[in-house]
PDB file of all heavy atoms in Angstrom:
ATOM      1  N   ASP A   1      94.050 133.585 193.410  1.00  0.00           N
ATOM      2  CA  ASP A   1      95.037 134.441 192.760  1.00  0.00           C
ATOM      3  C   ASP A   1      94.645 135.915 192.899  1.00  0.00           C
ATOM      4  O   ASP A   1      95.513 136.754 193.149  1.00  0.00           O
ATOM      5  CB  ASP A   1      95.156 134.080 191.277  1.00  0.00           C
ATOM      6  CG  ASP A   1      95.893 132.761 191.040  1.00  0.00           C
ATOM      7  OD1 ASP A   1      96.526 132.285 191.999  1.00  0.00           O
ATOM      8  OD2 ASP A   1      95.808 132.223 189.939  1.00  0.00           O
ATOM      9  N   ALA A   2      93.367 136.209 192.716  1.00  0.00           N
ATOM     10  CA  ALA A   2      92.933 137.611 192.869  1.00  0.00           C
ATOM     11  C   ALA A   2      93.091 138.067 194.298  1.00  0.00           C
ATOM     12  O   ALA A   2      93.515 139.215 194.559  1.00  0.00           O
ATOM     13  CB  ALA A   2      91.476 137.727 192.435  1.00  0.00           C
ATOM     14  N   GLN A   3      92.771 137.198 195.273  1.00  0.00           N
ATOM     15  CA  GLN A   3      92.935 137.557 196.681  1.00  0.00           C
ATOM     16  C   GLN A   3      94.374 137.792 197.024  1.00  0.00           C
ATOM     17  O   GLN A   3      94.730 138.706 197.769  1.00  0.00           O
ATOM     18  CB  GLN A   3      92.336 136.465 197.563  1.00  0.00           C
ATOM     19  CG  GLN A   3      92.319 136.811 199.064  1.00  0.00           C
ATOM     20  CD  GLN A   3      91.433 138.005 199.360  1.00  0.00           C
ATOM     21  OE1 GLN A   3      90.343 138.132 198.816  1.00  0.00           O
ATOM     22  NE2 GLN A   3      91.904 138.858 200.230  1.00  0.00           N
ATOM     23  N   ALA A   4      95.268 136.957 196.481  1.00  0.00           N
ATOM     24  CA  ALA A   4      96.707 137.113 196.735  1.00  0.00           C
ATOM     25  C   ALA A   4      97.224 138.423 196.176  1.00  0.00           C
ATOM     26  O   ALA A   4      98.055 139.109 196.781  1.00  0.00           O
ATOM     27  CB  ALA A   4      97.489 135.949 196.151  1.00  0.00           C
ATOM     28  N   SER A   5      96.697 138.828 195.002  1.00  0.00           N
ATOM     29  CA  SER A   5      97.094 140.080 194.387  1.00  0.00           C
ATOM     30  C   SER A   5      96.643 141.264 195.256  1.00  0.00           C
ATOM     31  O   SER A   5      97.395 142.220 195.441  1.00  0.00           O
ATOM     32  CB  SER A   5      96.522 140.181 192.994  1.00  0.00           C
ATOM     33  OG  SER A   5      96.914 141.364 192.360  1.00  0.00           O
ATOM     34  N   LEU A   6      95.441 141.166 195.769  1.00  0.00           N
ATOM     35  CA  LEU A   6      94.923 142.242 196.633  1.00  0.00           C
ATOM     36  C   LEU A   6      95.725 142.313 197.938  1.00  0.00           C
ATOM     37  O   LEU A   6      96.060 143.383 198.414  1.00  0.00           O
ATOM     38  CB  LEU A   6      93.453 142.034 196.942  1.00  0.00           C
ATOM     39  CG  LEU A   6      92.787 143.053 197.838  1.00  0.00           C
ATOM     40  CD1 LEU A   6      92.838 144.466 197.196  1.00  0.00           C
ATOM     41  CD2 LEU A   6      91.343 142.665 198.152  1.00  0.00           C
ATOM     42  N   GLN A   7      96.052 141.129 198.487  1.00  0.00           N
ATOM     43  CA  GLN A   7      96.820 141.109 199.720  1.00  0.00           C
ATOM     44  C   GLN A   7      98.208 141.723 199.476  1.00  0.00           C
ATOM     45  O   GLN A   7      98.762 142.376 200.386  1.00  0.00           O
ATOM     46  CB  GLN A   7      96.986 139.666 200.197  1.00  0.00           C
ATOM     47  CG  GLN A   7      97.708 139.520 201.540  1.00  0.00           C
ATOM     48  CD  GLN A   7      97.000 140.259 202.680  1.00  0.00           C
ATOM     49  OE1 GLN A   7      95.795 140.083 202.852  1.00  0.00           O
ATOM     50  NE2 GLN A   7      97.717 141.079 203.430  1.00  0.00           N
ATOM     51  N   ALA A   8      98.766 141.558 198.307  1.00  0.00           N
ATOM     52  CA  ALA A   8     100.044 142.165 197.974  1.00  0.00           C
ATOM     53  C   ALA A   8      99.941 143.687 198.019  1.00  0.00           C
ATOM     54  O   ALA A   8     100.887 144.383 198.426  1.00  0.00           O
ATOM     55  CB  ALA A   8     100.542 141.687 196.591  1.00  0.00           C
ATOM     56  N   VAL A   9      98.798 144.238 197.573  1.00  0.00           N
ATOM     57  CA  VAL A   9      98.590 145.663 197.659  1.00  0.00           C
ATOM     58  C   VAL A   9      98.618 146.124 199.120  1.00  0.00           C
ATOM     59  O   VAL A   9      99.272 147.113 199.479  1.00  0.00           O
ATOM     60  CB  VAL A   9      97.250 146.075 197.010  1.00  0.00           C
ATOM     61  CG1 VAL A   9      96.942 147.549 197.257  1.00  0.00           C
ATOM     62  CG2 VAL A   9      97.285 145.811 195.521  1.00  0.00           C
ATOM     63  N   PHE A  10      97.919 145.371 199.959  1.00  0.00           N
ATOM     64  CA  PHE A  10      97.917 145.685 201.386  1.00  0.00           C
ATOM     65  C   PHE A  10      99.335 145.631 201.957  1.00  0.00           C
ATOM     66  O   PHE A  10      99.747 146.525 202.741  1.00  0.00           O
ATOM     67  CB  PHE A  10      97.015 144.727 202.173  1.00  0.00           C
ATOM     68  CG  PHE A  10      95.563 144.775 201.757  1.00  0.00           C
ATOM     69  CD1 PHE A  10      94.728 143.694 202.028  1.00  0.00           C
ATOM     70  CD2 PHE A  10      95.012 145.889 201.158  1.00  0.00           C
ATOM     71  CE1 PHE A  10      93.389 143.721 201.684  1.00  0.00           C
ATOM     72  CE2 PHE A  10      93.691 145.933 200.790  1.00  0.00           C
ATOM     73  CZ  PHE A  10      92.862 144.861 201.058  1.00  0.00           C
ATOM     74  N   ASP A  11     100.064 144.569 201.640  1.00  0.00           N
ATOM     75  CA  ASP A  11     101.402 144.380 202.191  1.00  0.00           C
ATOM     76  C   ASP A  11     102.374 145.454 201.679  1.00  0.00           C
ATOM     77  O   ASP A  11     103.180 145.983 202.473  1.00  0.00           O
ATOM     78  CB  ASP A  11     101.957 143.006 201.785  1.00  0.00           C
ATOM     79  CG  ASP A  11     101.176 141.858 202.430  1.00  0.00           C
ATOM     80  OD1 ASP A  11     100.465 142.127 203.431  1.00  0.00           O
ATOM     81  OD2 ASP A  11     101.293 140.724 201.947  1.00  0.00           O
ATOM     82  N   ASN A  12     102.274 145.805 200.400  1.00  0.00           N
ATOM     83  CA  ASN A  12     103.167 146.816 199.851  1.00  0.00           C
ATOM     84  C   ASN A  12     102.843 148.198 200.427  1.00  0.00           C
ATOM     85  O   ASN A  12     103.757 149.004 200.622  1.00  0.00           O
ATOM     86  CB  ASN A  12     103.055 146.860 198.325  1.00  0.00           C
ATOM     87  CG  ASN A  12     103.716 145.654 197.660  1.00  0.00           C
ATOM     88  OD1 ASN A  12     104.630 145.066 198.223  1.00  0.00           O
ATOM     89  ND2 ASN A  12     103.208 145.285 196.490  1.00  0.00           N
ATOM     90  N   CYS A  13     101.574 148.461 200.683  1.00  0.00           N
ATOM     91  CA  CYS A  13     101.193 149.720 201.325  1.00  0.00           C
ATOM     92  C   CYS A  13     101.746 149.776 202.746  1.00  0.00           C
ATOM     93  O   CYS A  13     102.255 150.800 203.174  1.00  0.00           O
ATOM     94  CB  CYS A  13      99.686 149.856 201.334  1.00  0.00           C
ATOM     95  SG  CYS A  13      99.064 151.390 202.107  1.00  0.00           S
ATOM     96  N   GLU A  14     101.669 148.643 203.434  1.00  0.00           N
ATOM     97  CA  GLU A  14     102.205 148.582 204.790  1.00  0.00           C
ATOM     98  C   GLU A  14     103.716 148.839 204.815  1.00  0.00           C
ATOM     99  O   GLU A  14     104.251 149.414 205.776  1.00  0.00           O
ATOM    100  CB  GLU A  14     101.906 147.216 205.388  1.00  0.00           C
ATOM    101  CG  GLU A  14     102.424 146.952 206.794  1.00  0.00           C
ATOM    102  CD  GLU A  14     101.578 147.634 207.876  1.00  0.00           C
ATOM    103  OE1 GLU A  14     100.477 148.088 207.575  1.00  0.00           O
ATOM    104  OE2 GLU A  14     102.083 147.717 209.031  1.00  0.00           O
ATOM    105  N   ALA A  15     104.399 148.408 203.749  1.00  0.00           N
ATOM    106  CA  ALA A  15     105.849 148.555 203.690  1.00  0.00           C
ATOM    107  C   ALA A  15     106.290 149.956 203.208  1.00  0.00           C
ATOM    108  O   ALA A  15     107.468 150.295 203.346  1.00  0.00           O
ATOM    109  CB  ALA A  15     106.424 147.507 202.765  1.00  0.00           C
ATOM    110  N   ALA A  16     105.351 150.704 202.649  1.00  0.00           N
ATOM    111  CA  ALA A  16     105.673 152.083 202.170  1.00  0.00           C
ATOM    112  C   ALA A  16     105.270 153.074 203.257  1.00  0.00           C
ATOM    113  O   ALA A  16     104.096 153.205 203.558  1.00  0.00           O
ATOM    114  CB  ALA A  16     104.942 152.368 200.875  1.00  0.00           C
ATOM    115  N   PRO A  17     106.234 153.794 203.820  1.00  0.00           N
ATOM    116  CA  PRO A  17     105.922 154.701 204.951  1.00  0.00           C
ATOM    117  C   PRO A  17     104.789 155.684 204.676  1.00  0.00           C
ATOM    118  O   PRO A  17     103.903 155.850 205.526  1.00  0.00           O
ATOM    119  CB  PRO A  17     107.251 155.408 205.194  1.00  0.00           C
ATOM    120  CG  PRO A  17     108.299 154.454 204.721  1.00  0.00           C
ATOM    121  CD  PRO A  17     107.680 153.758 203.531  1.00  0.00           C
ATOM    122  N   SER A  18     104.792 156.300 203.516  1.00  0.00           N
ATOM    123  CA  SER A  18     103.756 157.315 203.238  1.00  0.00           C
ATOM    124  C   SER A  18     102.374 156.657 203.110  1.00  0.00           C
ATOM    125  O   SER A  18     101.386 157.220 203.564  1.00  0.00           O
ATOM    126  CB  SER A  18     104.092 158.088 201.947  1.00  0.00           C
ATOM    127  OG  SER A  18     104.181 157.182 200.822  1.00  0.00           O
ATOM    128  N   CYS A  19     102.338 155.467 202.512  1.00  0.00           N
ATOM    129  CA  CYS A  19     101.038 154.763 202.371  1.00  0.00           C
ATOM    130  C   CYS A  19     100.565 154.248 203.722  1.00  0.00           C
ATOM    131  O   CYS A  19      99.381 154.371 204.085  1.00  0.00           O
ATOM    132  CB  CYS A  19     101.202 153.613 201.378  1.00  0.00           C
ATOM    133  SG  CYS A  19      99.656 152.837 200.878  1.00  0.00           S
ATOM    134  N   LYS A  20     101.465 153.702 204.495  1.00  0.00           N
ATOM    135  CA  LYS A  20     101.093 153.197 205.815  1.00  0.00           C
ATOM    136  C   LYS A  20     100.579 154.322 206.703  1.00  0.00           C
ATOM    137  O   LYS A  20      99.575 154.165 207.447  1.00  0.00           O
ATOM    138  CB  LYS A  20     102.293 152.531 206.482  1.00  0.00           C
ATOM    139  CG  LYS A  20     101.973 151.977 207.866  1.00  0.00           C
ATOM    140  CD  LYS A  20     103.198 151.279 208.449  1.00  0.00           C
ATOM    141  CE  LYS A  20     102.880 150.675 209.827  1.00  0.00           C
ATOM    142  NZ  LYS A  20     104.051 149.990 210.412  1.00  0.00           N
ATOM    143  N   ALA A  21     101.202 155.474 206.615  1.00  0.00           N
ATOM    144  CA  ALA A  21     100.766 156.634 207.446  1.00  0.00           C
ATOM    145  C   ALA A  21      99.418 157.144 207.011  1.00  0.00           C
ATOM    146  O   ALA A  21      98.577 157.541 207.818  1.00  0.00           O
ATOM    147  CB  ALA A  21     101.814 157.728 207.367  1.00  0.00           C
ATOM    148  N   ALA A  22      99.175 157.120 205.682  1.00  0.00           N
ATOM    149  CA  ALA A  22      97.908 157.642 205.170  1.00  0.00           C
ATOM    150  C   ALA A  22      96.749 156.671 205.375  1.00  0.00           C
ATOM    151  O   ALA A  22      95.595 157.074 205.541  1.00  0.00           O
ATOM    152  CB  ALA A  22      98.080 158.008 203.698  1.00  0.00           C
ATOM    153  N   PHE A  23      97.055 155.358 205.266  1.00  0.00           N
ATOM    154  CA  PHE A  23      96.000 154.345 205.343  1.00  0.00           C
ATOM    155  C   PHE A  23      96.363 153.253 206.324  1.00  0.00           C
ATOM    156  O   PHE A  23      96.627 152.094 205.957  1.00  0.00           O
ATOM    157  CB  PHE A  23      95.805 153.738 203.934  1.00  0.00           C
ATOM    158  CG  PHE A  23      95.754 154.764 202.850  1.00  0.00           C
ATOM    159  CD1 PHE A  23      96.718 154.824 201.868  1.00  0.00           C
ATOM    160  CD2 PHE A  23      94.703 155.687 202.771  1.00  0.00           C
ATOM    161  CE1 PHE A  23      96.674 155.761 200.847  1.00  0.00           C
ATOM    162  CE2 PHE A  23      94.661 156.647 201.757  1.00  0.00           C
ATOM    163  CZ  PHE A  23      95.627 156.689 200.787  1.00  0.00           C
ATOM    164  N   PRO A  24      96.415 153.549 207.615  1.00  0.00           N
ATOM    165  CA  PRO A  24      96.907 152.583 208.601  1.00  0.00           C
ATOM    166  C   PRO A  24      96.000 151.382 208.834  1.00  0.00           C
ATOM    167  O   PRO A  24      96.454 150.362 209.358  1.00  0.00           O
ATOM    168  CB  PRO A  24      97.023 153.448 209.882  1.00  0.00           C
ATOM    169  CG  PRO A  24      96.010 154.539 209.690  1.00  0.00           C
ATOM    170  CD  PRO A  24      96.052 154.836 208.229  1.00  0.00           C
ATOM    171  N   THR A  25      94.731 151.477 208.452  1.00  0.00           N
ATOM    172  CA  THR A  25      93.794 150.371 208.678  1.00  0.00           C
ATOM    173  C   THR A  25      93.218 149.925 207.331  1.00  0.00           C
ATOM    174  O   THR A  25      92.015 149.574 207.238  1.00  0.00           O
ATOM    175  CB  THR A  25      92.673 150.824 209.613  1.00  0.00           C
ATOM    176  OG1 THR A  25      91.983 151.965 209.069  1.00  0.00           O
ATOM    177  CG2 THR A  25      93.218 151.167 210.983  1.00  0.00           C
ATOM    178  N   LEU A  26      94.037 149.847 206.323  1.00  0.00           N
ATOM    179  CA  LEU A  26      93.575 149.591 204.928  1.00  0.00           C
ATOM    180  C   LEU A  26      92.824 148.247 204.820  1.00  0.00           C
ATOM    181  O   LEU A  26      91.696 148.210 204.288  1.00  0.00           O
ATOM    182  CB  LEU A  26      94.752 149.613 203.985  1.00  0.00           C
ATOM    183  CG  LEU A  26      94.445 149.264 202.522  1.00  0.00           C
ATOM    184  CD1 LEU A  26      93.422 150.199 201.937  1.00  0.00           C
ATOM    185  CD2 LEU A  26      95.755 149.276 201.688  1.00  0.00           C
ATOM    186  N   ALA A  27      93.431 147.183 205.280  1.00  0.00           N
ATOM    187  CA  ALA A  27      92.813 145.853 205.141  1.00  0.00           C
ATOM    188  C   ALA A  27      91.489 145.786 205.865  1.00  0.00           C
ATOM    189  O   ALA A  27      90.522 145.237 205.325  1.00  0.00           O
ATOM    190  CB  ALA A  27      93.767 144.773 205.667  1.00  0.00           C
ATOM    191  N   ALA A  28      91.411 146.333 207.064  1.00  0.00           N
ATOM    192  CA  ALA A  28      90.173 146.332 207.828  1.00  0.00           C
ATOM    193  C   ALA A  28      89.126 147.197 207.144  1.00  0.00           C
ATOM    194  O   ALA A  28      87.948 146.855 207.109  1.00  0.00           O
ATOM    195  CB  ALA A  28      90.443 146.793 209.257  1.00  0.00           C
ATOM    196  N   ASP A  29      89.564 148.342 206.612  1.00  0.00           N
ATOM    197  CA  ASP A  29      88.642 149.226 205.915  1.00  0.00           C
ATOM    198  C   ASP A  29      88.051 148.541 204.676  1.00  0.00           C
ATOM    199  O   ASP A  29      86.865 148.686 204.383  1.00  0.00           O
ATOM    200  CB  ASP A  29      89.337 150.525 205.500  1.00  0.00           C
ATOM    201  CG  ASP A  29      89.657 151.425 206.659  1.00  0.00           C
ATOM    202  OD1 ASP A  29      89.087 151.213 207.732  1.00  0.00           O
ATOM    203  OD2 ASP A  29      90.509 152.314 206.516  1.00  0.00           O
ATOM    204  N   PHE A  30      88.880 147.821 203.961  1.00  0.00           N
ATOM    205  CA  PHE A  30      88.414 147.116 202.762  1.00  0.00           C
ATOM    206  C   PHE A  30      87.394 146.068 203.119  1.00  0.00           C
ATOM    207  O   PHE A  30      86.334 145.958 202.472  1.00  0.00           O
ATOM    208  CB  PHE A  30      89.557 146.478 202.027  1.00  0.00           C
ATOM    209  CG  PHE A  30      89.110 145.727 200.786  1.00  0.00           C
ATOM    210  CD1 PHE A  30      88.960 146.380 199.569  1.00  0.00           C
ATOM    211  CD2 PHE A  30      88.820 144.374 200.834  1.00  0.00           C
ATOM    212  CE1 PHE A  30      88.524 145.704 198.444  1.00  0.00           C
ATOM    213  CE2 PHE A  30      88.359 143.696 199.730  1.00  0.00           C
ATOM    214  CZ  PHE A  30      88.223 144.360 198.518  1.00  0.00           C
TER     215      PHE A  30
END
């Protein structure tokens, strides 16, 4: 459940243009 919640943060960031542009490698960085 915790992992799914974190993955949702990654997915929502990917879907938000400003977040995706600022953090393009978020999942890999984490």
